[in-house]
């Protein structure tokens, strides 16, 4: 389970900052926040599945989460 306010590393070396629990709106994609590049610049807003996956693709994504930061 993710913690609001924490940062989580992605497979591609960026990090996701979890800012809002959206479970009441969409339990399939409850984790909302922003993805930042290694230099701290903004990349995108993002929703994550409870598994830490960024996409439903079987192949996964570089944006999938791997660790807390």
C-alpha atoms as a PDB file:
ATOM      1  CA  UNK A   1       0.000   0.000   0.000  1.00  0.00           C
ATOM      2  CA  UNK A   2       1.252   3.477  -0.822  1.00  0.00           C
ATOM      3  CA  UNK A   3       1.402   6.382   1.630  1.00  0.00           C
ATOM      4  CA  UNK A   4       0.239   9.880   0.673  1.00  0.00           C
ATOM      5  CA  UNK A   5       3.174  12.286   0.568  1.00  0.00           C
ATOM      6  CA  UNK A   6       5.757   9.580  -0.121  1.00  0.00           C
ATOM      7  CA  UNK A   7       7.840   9.261  -3.288  1.00  0.00           C
ATOM      8  CA  UNK A   8       8.183   5.983  -5.162  1.00  0.00           C
ATOM      9  CA  UNK A   9      10.785   5.116  -7.770  1.00  0.00           C
ATOM     10  CA  UNK A  10       9.731   3.943 -11.218  1.00  0.00           C
ATOM     11  CA  UNK A  11      11.446   1.333 -13.386  1.00  0.00           C
ATOM     12  CA  UNK A  12      12.782   4.061 -15.689  1.00  0.00           C
ATOM     13  CA  UNK A  13      14.502   5.975 -12.859  1.00  0.00           C
ATOM     14  CA  UNK A  14      11.913   8.701 -12.385  1.00  0.00           C
ATOM     15  CA  UNK A  15       9.813   9.050  -9.266  1.00  0.00           C
ATOM     16  CA  UNK A  16       6.110   9.238  -8.485  1.00  0.00           C
ATOM     17  CA  UNK A  17       4.890  11.499  -5.689  1.00  0.00           C
ATOM     18  CA  UNK A  18       1.606  10.147  -4.313  1.00  0.00           C
ATOM     19  CA  UNK A  19      -0.706  13.076  -3.545  1.00  0.00           C
ATOM     20  CA  UNK A  20      -4.303  11.837  -3.466  1.00  0.00           C
ATOM     21  CA  UNK A  21      -6.257   8.662  -2.698  1.00  0.00           C
ATOM     22  CA  UNK A  22      -8.907   8.346  -5.433  1.00  0.00           C
ATOM     23  CA  UNK A  23     -10.371   5.015  -4.250  1.00  0.00           C
ATOM     24  CA  UNK A  24     -13.883   6.432  -3.855  1.00  0.00           C
ATOM     25  CA  UNK A  25     -13.891   7.502  -7.513  1.00  0.00           C
ATOM     26  CA  UNK A  26     -12.086   4.564  -9.115  1.00  0.00           C
ATOM     27  CA  UNK A  27     -10.908   1.661  -6.930  1.00  0.00           C
ATOM     28  CA  UNK A  28      -9.089   0.147  -9.918  1.00  0.00           C
ATOM     29  CA  UNK A  29      -6.762   3.168 -10.179  1.00  0.00           C
ATOM     30  CA  UNK A  30      -6.709   4.630  -6.639  1.00  0.00           C
ATOM     31  CA  UNK A  31      -3.252   6.214  -6.501  1.00  0.00           C
ATOM     32  CA  UNK A  32      -2.993   9.692  -8.029  1.00  0.00           C
ATOM     33  CA  UNK A  33       0.015  11.970  -8.164  1.00  0.00           C
ATOM     34  CA  UNK A  34       2.773  13.366 -10.320  1.00  0.00           C
ATOM     35  CA  UNK A  35       5.807  11.814 -11.988  1.00  0.00           C
ATOM     36  CA  UNK A  36       9.073  13.753 -11.901  1.00  0.00           C
ATOM     37  CA  UNK A  37      12.335  13.295 -13.791  1.00  0.00           C
ATOM     38  CA  UNK A  38      15.592  12.652 -11.922  1.00  0.00           C
ATOM     39  CA  UNK A  39      16.456  16.355 -12.106  1.00  0.00           C
ATOM     40  CA  UNK A  40      13.171  17.209 -10.341  1.00  0.00           C
ATOM     41  CA  UNK A  41      11.396  18.550 -13.419  1.00  0.00           C
ATOM     42  CA  UNK A  42       7.740  17.606 -13.929  1.00  0.00           C
ATOM     43  CA  UNK A  43       6.978  14.778 -16.378  1.00  0.00           C
ATOM     44  CA  UNK A  44       3.253  13.940 -16.078  1.00  0.00           C
ATOM     45  CA  UNK A  45       0.279  13.347 -13.818  1.00  0.00           C
ATOM     46  CA  UNK A  46      -0.384   9.665 -13.228  1.00  0.00           C
ATOM     47  CA  UNK A  47      -2.812   7.143 -11.795  1.00  0.00           C
ATOM     48  CA  UNK A  48      -1.554   3.787 -10.504  1.00  0.00           C
ATOM     49  CA  UNK A  49      -3.201   0.452  -9.859  1.00  0.00           C
ATOM     50  CA  UNK A  50      -3.004  -1.120  -6.364  1.00  0.00           C
ATOM     51  CA  UNK A  51      -0.224  -3.367  -7.731  1.00  0.00           C
ATOM     52  CA  UNK A  52       1.933  -0.338  -8.600  1.00  0.00           C
ATOM     53  CA  UNK A  53       1.343  -0.793 -12.316  1.00  0.00           C
ATOM     54  CA  UNK A  54       1.026   2.268 -14.556  1.00  0.00           C
ATOM     55  CA  UNK A  55      -0.706   0.362 -17.366  1.00  0.00           C
ATOM     56  CA  UNK A  56      -2.788  -2.757 -17.899  1.00  0.00           C
ATOM     57  CA  UNK A  57      -0.374  -3.941 -20.585  1.00  0.00           C
ATOM     58  CA  UNK A  58       1.057  -7.419 -19.976  1.00  0.00           C
ATOM     59  CA  UNK A  59       4.444  -6.013 -20.910  1.00  0.00           C
ATOM     60  CA  UNK A  60       4.327  -3.390 -18.185  1.00  0.00           C
ATOM     61  CA  UNK A  61       5.765   0.084 -18.420  1.00  0.00           C
ATOM     62  CA  UNK A  62       8.874   1.995 -17.451  1.00  0.00           C
ATOM     63  CA  UNK A  63       6.537   4.015 -15.250  1.00  0.00           C
ATOM     64  CA  UNK A  64       5.641   0.990 -13.084  1.00  0.00           C
ATOM     65  CA  UNK A  65       6.689   1.479  -9.453  1.00  0.00           C
ATOM     66  CA  UNK A  66       9.602  -0.437  -7.947  1.00  0.00           C
ATOM     67  CA  UNK A  67      10.532   1.149  -4.584  1.00  0.00           C
ATOM     68  CA  UNK A  68       9.758   3.863  -2.072  1.00  0.00           C
ATOM     69  CA  UNK A  69      12.206   6.739  -2.121  1.00  0.00           C
END
